[in-house]
Protein backbone atom coordinates (compact mmCIF):
# COMPACT_ATOMS: atom_id res chain seq x y z
CA UNK A 1 60.07 18.09 215.15
CA UNK A 2 59.62 21.37 213.16
CA UNK A 3 61.36 24.09 211.53
CA UNK A 4 60.74 27.74 210.43
CA UNK A 5 63.19 30.29 209.75
CA UNK A 6 62.04 34.15 209.17
CA UNK A 7 63.95 36.92 208.58
CA UNK A 8 67.17 34.89 209.77
CA UNK A 9 65.89 33.51 212.59
CA UNK A 10 65.41 29.63 212.82
CA UNK A 11 63.40 28.01 215.17
CA UNK A 12 63.38 24.27 215.76
CA UNK A 13 60.80 22.39 218.18
CA UNK A 14 61.39 18.61 219.27
CA UNK A 15 58.26 17.83 221.11
CA UNK A 16 58.38 14.83 223.74
CA UNK A 17 55.65 12.72 225.53
CA UNK A 18 55.99 13.31 229.63
CA UNK A 19 54.96 10.16 231.00
CA UNK A 20 55.95 10.87 234.60
CA UNK A 21 53.54 13.99 234.56
CA UNK A 22 51.14 12.19 232.77
CA UNK A 23 48.09 11.24 234.53
CA UNK A 24 44.93 9.57 232.25
CA UNK A 25 42.92 8.85 234.88
CA UNK A 26 42.60 12.75 235.92
CA UNK A 27 42.62 13.87 232.20
CA UNK A 28 46.16 15.19 232.24
CA UNK A 29 48.48 14.25 229.11
CA UNK A 30 51.63 16.02 229.79
CA UNK A 31 54.55 16.97 226.92
CA UNK A 32 57.51 18.51 226.85
CA UNK A 33 59.04 20.70 223.87
CA UNK A 34 62.57 21.71 223.62
CA UNK A 35 63.15 24.84 221.56
CA UNK A 36 66.33 25.82 219.46
CA UNK A 37 66.37 29.50 218.36
CA UNK A 38 69.59 30.05 215.95
CA UNK A 39 70.00 33.54 214.33
CA UNK A 40 71.15 32.23 210.89
CA UNK A 41 70.72 35.73 209.78
CA UNK A 42 73.28 39.05 209.56
CA UNK A 43 71.56 41.26 212.11
CA UNK A 44 71.18 40.74 216.27
CA UNK A 45 67.71 40.35 217.40
CA UNK A 46 65.97 40.01 221.27
CA UNK A 47 63.35 38.01 221.76
CA UNK A 48 60.65 40.14 223.52
CA UNK A 49 57.39 38.01 223.65
CA UNK A 50 55.90 34.74 222.90
CA UNK A 51 52.53 33.65 221.62
CA UNK A 52 51.35 29.82 221.48
CA UNK A 53 48.18 28.40 220.12
CA UNK A 54 47.61 25.22 221.56
CA UNK A 55 44.92 22.84 220.18
CA UNK A 56 43.87 19.56 221.59
CA UNK A 57 42.33 16.45 220.34
CA UNK A 58 38.87 17.29 221.24
CA UNK A 59 39.15 20.41 218.98
CA UNK A 60 39.65 23.21 221.81
CA UNK A 61 42.06 26.03 220.93
CA UNK A 62 43.91 27.90 223.91
CA UNK A 63 46.16 31.39 223.27
CA UNK A 64 48.86 31.76 225.58
CA UNK A 65 50.97 35.21 225.57
CA UNK A 66 53.90 36.49 227.46
CA UNK A 67 57.05 37.94 227.82
CA UNK A 68 60.25 36.40 226.52
CA UNK A 69 60.86 32.82 227.19
CA UNK A 70 61.30 30.90 230.55
CA UNK A 71 61.83 33.94 232.06
CA UNK A 72 64.41 35.53 229.52
CA UNK A 73 64.36 37.47 226.67
CA UNK A 74 67.48 36.22 224.96
CA UNK A 75 69.71 38.66 222.50
CA UNK A 76 71.03 36.43 219.76
CA UNK A 77 74.06 37.75 217.60
CA UNK A 78 74.35 36.19 214.23
CA UNK A 79 75.80 32.60 214.89
CA UNK A 80 74.31 32.34 218.23
CA UNK A 81 71.65 29.73 219.65
CA UNK A 82 69.31 29.94 222.69
CA UNK A 83 67.80 26.62 223.75
CA UNK A 84 65.11 25.76 226.23
CA UNK A 85 62.67 23.04 227.39
CA UNK A 86 59.10 24.18 228.42
CA UNK A 87 56.09 21.78 229.21
CA UNK A 88 52.23 21.67 228.37
CA UNK A 89 49.41 19.64 229.84
CA UNK A 90 46.52 18.83 227.75
CA UNK A 91 43.31 17.05 228.56
CA UNK A 92 44.02 14.65 225.48
CA UNK A 93 46.50 12.06 224.50
CA UNK A 94 47.42 14.49 221.23
CA UNK A 95 47.33 17.78 220.13
CA UNK A 96 49.22 20.77 218.22
CA UNK A 97 50.96 23.76 219.00
CA UNK A 98 52.52 26.78 216.76
CA UNK A 99 53.21 30.14 217.46
CA UNK A 100 55.45 33.02 217.12
CA UNK A 101 58.17 34.93 219.09
CA UNK A 102 58.50 38.71 218.61
CA UNK A 103 61.72 39.80 217.95
CA UNK A 104 63.12 43.10 217.81
CA UNK A 105 66.12 44.31 216.15
CA UNK A 106 68.84 46.94 217.55
CA UNK A 107 67.27 49.65 215.10
CA UNK A 108 63.60 48.93 216.98
CA UNK A 109 62.32 47.18 213.94
CA UNK A 110 60.32 44.11 215.05
CA UNK A 111 59.01 41.10 213.51
CA UNK A 112 57.30 38.08 214.32
CA UNK A 113 59.98 34.56 214.09
CA UNK A 114 57.23 31.83 213.04
CA UNK A 115 57.19 28.45 215.01
CA UNK A 116 56.14 25.66 212.52
CA UNK A 117 52.96 23.72 213.87
CA UNK A 118 54.31 20.25 215.75
CA UNK A 119 52.20 17.38 216.91
CA UNK A 120 52.07 16.50 220.71
CA UNK A 121 51.39 13.05 221.08
CA UNK A 122 51.01 10.05 223.58
CA UNK A 123 53.25 7.15 222.14
CA UNK A 124 50.81 4.97 220.54
CA UNK A 125 47.97 7.15 220.46
CA UNK A 126 47.95 7.08 216.99
CA UNK A 127 47.48 3.93 215.24
């Protein structure tokens, strides 16, 4: 699990191995990650974009950017939480992810809410 708070936006991520979607013979190791975004600050904010930096166990790095998360651009008033689950395939049984969410305040000021690095690992891949 990873936790980071930026300008009142707390992001907690819980990764998990997804055995049903994993096929080592095909070089696919699947992982889910549940992201919980909570506005612990005093001002509202809206999530506009996401950026992920995904690293596999072989050292390959991929950047993924896009609008919102899971097709949504949630507005978070103080005290509100938005949670979603997504997944990522890797060619190795271990990797990491980190990133940021582009947030905007009602007054137009934007900032990047950080997502602390978290480890994606197949059970027993680390000895």
